[in-house]
Structures are given as structure tokens and as C-alpha cells.
């Protein structure tokens, strides 16, 4: 038997994390629009093209950070939200919500938007909607000396709302109705 050695791992690349969750949200949004319930769009990340070869882009850079993943209109109200998919069983690291994303949600909330994050815990097969007001409490607490830098799944159970299967793959509007429009789920 050989000796097992640990492979040195470089920095974690989050570039494609969440693609499955986002594709489920995209499908849900298409279905919402087809049902004439809402118009919610995925926001593109601003990109500056540096080189082209014919019709192909061969080199590009992000021009500036995007705001949040999704925005749109539902029941005459603006919606802004960020989607995060996590493989950890127990928590979402607050570092996954970048400052520009948090700032955009804060401004949107202040101006009357329905602002929140959607989080998918892939190993637990659970999805939650966490309103911005709850996110703000966790973010502010994290900035205190010794403050916790993550939101546990138990916190999501208490402060968030589980998204259950519904008429669409990620039926978050059912929760939005309950939280912002006082309708029972």
C-alpha cells in the first residue's frame, strides 16, 4: 500500500457555482411570465470585449460588478434578489454576498422594492427565501467583534421561508405573496 498524500488545492472558484439553481429560477421566471404573473429577468454582468476573432469573442473582462442576479415587477412592485447555491449542509458564508450586491439590495429595499436572497442548500435539498431585513441583521452582527460570519440553516428555518414545490420549479412568488402581500401559503 502506498502512502496517501493530500493534494494541495488552490483558491476556490465560485464562477459556475449556482448554475443549476439559477437555471431552475430562470425556468420558473419563464413560467411566471407565460402565466402573466410576473416579469422577472436575469441581469447580465457588464462585460467589455477586448478581442474578437470573426464572430467569436476571444478575450473579455468584467467591466464592473453587476448588482444582483434578478430584478423585475410583480403585483405592481419591483423585485430585486440574489441567488446563492451552497453545498455546505449547515450554513451560507456571508462573504458569498458581495458588498455591491448587499448595497444594491439595501438601496432597493429603502426605495420600496421587494428585496431578498434565495438560497439553495443542495445537499439538504432545501431552498429558502430570506428577506433583506433579516439579511441586514445577520450582516450587521457579522461586523461586530467576534460576530458570526455565516447564516446557519437553523437561522434560515427561523428567519427565512422555505420554498416548497409548487406550480413552478422554484415557486418563490408563493412566499413573496405570504411575506409582502399577507396571503397564506
Foldseek 3Di string as FASTA:
>chain_A
DDDDDDDDDDDDDCPCACVVVVVLVVQVQVVCVVVVFWHKDFDDQAKDQDDDDVPRGDDIDGPDGDAAGMWTDGPNAIEGEHEHEDQDPWWDFLVVQPPSNLVSLVVSVVVGHFYWYWYAHPVVRWIWTATNVLVVVLVVQCPDVVRDRIQTVVNCVVRIGIQDDDPGSGPCVQVVCCPVVVDDD
